[in-house]
Protein backbone atom coordinates (compact mmCIF):
# COMPACT_ATOMS: atom_id res chain seq x y z
CA UNK A 1 33.45 10.97 4.03
CA UNK A 2 31.22 12.36 1.32
CA UNK A 3 27.69 10.91 1.58
CA UNK A 4 27.67 10.19 -2.17
CA UNK A 5 30.76 8.02 -1.68
CA UNK A 6 29.04 6.14 1.15
CA UNK A 7 25.88 5.49 -0.86
CA UNK A 8 25.46 2.06 -2.40
CA UNK A 9 26.10 1.64 -6.10
CA UNK A 10 22.76 1.43 -7.85
CA UNK A 11 22.33 -0.26 -11.18
CA UNK A 12 19.01 1.30 -12.12
CA UNK A 13 17.35 4.66 -12.65
CA UNK A 14 14.62 6.19 -10.49
CA UNK A 15 12.05 5.48 -13.23
CA UNK A 16 12.98 1.79 -13.07
CA UNK A 17 12.02 1.77 -9.39
CA UNK A 18 8.79 3.53 -10.28
CA UNK A 19 8.04 0.77 -12.81
CA UNK A 20 8.66 -1.89 -10.13
CA UNK A 21 6.31 -0.15 -7.69
CA UNK A 22 3.63 0.19 -10.37
CA UNK A 23 4.02 -3.53 -11.15
CA UNK A 24 3.73 -4.33 -7.44
CA UNK A 25 0.61 -2.18 -7.19
CA UNK A 26 -0.96 -4.05 -10.10
CA UNK A 27 -0.09 -7.42 -8.57
CA UNK A 28 -1.52 -6.42 -5.17
CA UNK A 29 -4.79 -5.22 -6.71
CA UNK A 30 -5.14 -8.53 -8.56
CA UNK A 31 -4.26 -10.69 -5.55
CA UNK A 32 -7.23 -12.38 -3.90
CA UNK A 33 -5.58 -12.35 -0.45
CA UNK A 34 -4.22 -8.80 -0.41
CA UNK A 35 -6.67 -6.83 -2.54
CA UNK A 36 -9.46 -6.64 0.10
CA UNK A 37 -7.21 -5.60 2.99
CA UNK A 38 -5.22 -3.15 0.86
CA UNK A 39 -8.45 -1.59 -0.38
CA UNK A 40 -9.34 -0.90 3.27
CA UNK A 41 -5.90 0.61 3.88
CA UNK A 42 -5.43 2.53 0.63
CA UNK A 43 -8.95 3.30 -0.52
CA UNK A 44 -8.68 5.12 -3.82
CA UNK A 45 -5.23 6.60 -3.12
CA UNK A 46 -3.17 4.07 -5.06
CA UNK A 47 -1.13 6.69 -6.91
CA UNK A 48 -0.31 8.41 -3.60
CA UNK A 49 0.79 5.06 -2.13
CA UNK A 50 2.92 4.29 -5.19
CA UNK A 51 4.64 7.68 -5.03
CA UNK A 52 5.25 7.29 -1.30
CA UNK A 53 6.68 3.81 -1.78
CA UNK A 54 9.10 5.06 -4.44
CA UNK A 55 10.16 7.93 -2.16
CA UNK A 56 10.63 5.54 0.75
CA UNK A 57 12.85 3.18 -1.24
CA UNK A 58 14.87 6.02 -2.77
CA UNK A 59 15.40 7.51 0.68
CA UNK A 60 16.87 4.25 1.91
CA UNK A 61 18.80 3.40 -1.24
CA UNK A 62 20.29 6.84 -1.81
CA UNK A 63 20.65 7.76 1.85
CA UNK A 64 18.20 10.65 1.55
CA UNK A 65 16.02 11.89 4.35
CA UNK A 66 13.01 9.74 5.02
CA UNK A 67 9.76 11.19 3.67
CA UNK A 68 7.16 12.14 6.25
CA UNK A 69 5.16 9.11 7.31
CA UNK A 70 1.85 9.38 9.10
CA UNK A 71 1.99 7.40 12.33
CA UNK A 72 -1.82 7.21 12.34
CA UNK A 73 -1.91 5.73 8.81
CA UNK A 74 0.85 3.27 9.64
CA UNK A 75 -0.95 2.20 12.82
CA UNK A 76 -4.15 1.68 10.83
CA UNK A 77 -2.32 -0.40 8.25
CA UNK A 78 -0.61 -2.47 10.93
CA UNK A 79 -3.95 -3.09 12.65
CA UNK A 80 -5.40 -4.47 9.40
CA UNK A 81 -2.44 -6.50 8.11
CA UNK A 82 -1.60 -10.02 9.21
CA UNK A 83 1.79 -11.74 9.14
CA UNK A 84 0.56 -13.71 6.13
CA UNK A 85 -0.41 -10.48 4.38
CA UNK A 86 3.08 -9.05 4.98
CA UNK A 87 4.74 -12.21 3.68
CA UNK A 88 2.48 -12.17 0.62
CA UNK A 89 3.22 -8.49 0.00
CA UNK A 90 6.94 -9.24 0.28
CA UNK A 91 6.60 -12.13 -2.19
CA UNK A 92 4.73 -9.97 -4.67
CA UNK A 93 7.39 -7.30 -4.33
CA UNK A 94 10.12 -9.83 -5.08
CA UNK A 95 8.18 -11.04 -8.12
CA UNK A 96 7.82 -7.45 -9.36
CA UNK A 97 11.53 -6.75 -8.82
CA UNK A 98 12.68 -9.92 -10.55
CA UNK A 99 10.28 -9.32 -13.44
CA UNK A 100 12.12 -6.03 -14.05
CA UNK A 101 15.74 -6.71 -13.03
CA UNK A 102 18.28 -9.52 -13.13
CA UNK A 103 19.38 -10.87 -9.75
CA UNK A 104 22.56 -8.81 -9.39
CA UNK A 105 20.71 -5.55 -10.06
CA UNK A 106 17.82 -6.39 -7.73
CA UNK A 107 19.82 -7.05 -4.58
CA UNK A 108 19.62 -3.50 -3.14
CA UNK A 109 15.84 -3.41 -3.54
CA UNK A 110 15.46 -6.84 -1.97
CA UNK A 111 17.59 -5.76 0.98
CA UNK A 112 15.38 -2.73 1.64
CA UNK A 113 12.23 -4.87 1.34
CA UNK A 114 13.71 -7.33 3.85
CA UNK A 115 14.51 -4.45 6.24
CA UNK A 116 10.95 -3.12 6.01
CA UNK A 117 9.49 -6.59 6.58
CA UNK A 118 11.79 -7.10 9.59
CA UNK A 119 10.59 -3.79 11.03
CA UNK A 120 6.87 -4.29 10.40
CA UNK A 121 6.35 -7.94 11.40
CA UNK A 122 7.11 -7.46 15.13
CA UNK A 123 4.68 -4.53 15.15
CA UNK A 124 1.92 -6.83 13.90
CA UNK A 125 2.37 -9.02 16.95
CA UNK A 126 2.13 -6.13 19.42
CA UNK A 127 -1.48 -5.96 20.63
CA UNK A 128 -1.12 -2.98 22.98
CA UNK A 129 -1.47 0.25 20.98
CA UNK A 130 0.89 2.36 23.12
CA UNK A 131 3.72 -0.16 22.91
CA UNK A 132 3.14 -0.60 19.18
CA UNK A 133 3.30 3.17 18.65
CA UNK A 134 6.55 3.42 20.64
CA UNK A 135 8.07 0.59 18.58
CA UNK A 136 6.81 2.22 15.39
CA UNK A 137 8.31 5.60 16.30
CA UNK A 138 11.56 3.92 17.36
CA UNK A 139 11.72 2.12 14.02
CA UNK A 140 11.05 5.34 12.13
CA UNK A 141 13.89 7.06 14.00
CA UNK A 142 16.20 4.12 13.27
CA UNK A 143 15.23 4.34 9.60
CA UNK A 144 15.90 8.09 9.55
CA UNK A 145 19.32 7.55 11.10
CA UNK A 146 20.02 4.74 8.62
CA UNK A 147 20.40 2.11 11.35
CA UNK A 148 17.35 0.02 10.45
């Protein structure tokens, strides 16, 4: 089967996803709960994070190869984020998506966000670094193979 035939039907352009990610970035920076922790994680690399987020979503949505992710940066982010932070980030993402798209067009983005949240939350609960790294690498491989 041709991979293009297996890809989900998308009802938006790449620049629409970029606009959603930029809206999310703005909402995160203005959020009293998330802004401090995200500043520790991101520093002054917001544009790099936005670009990486767009690439990550497009990889999942269009069944492209997953962009390179730094395990060290992901481990640092996981060490700083709480479950409440992840839920808040997810909520802000949903708000950004629904501010840009009607419900039927937003469903693919919401599904990817739910997958990411389902992958990250168990990692937040893993205190032992070695086990967390193994779970992180396993999740990255599952994402790459499109089984996440």
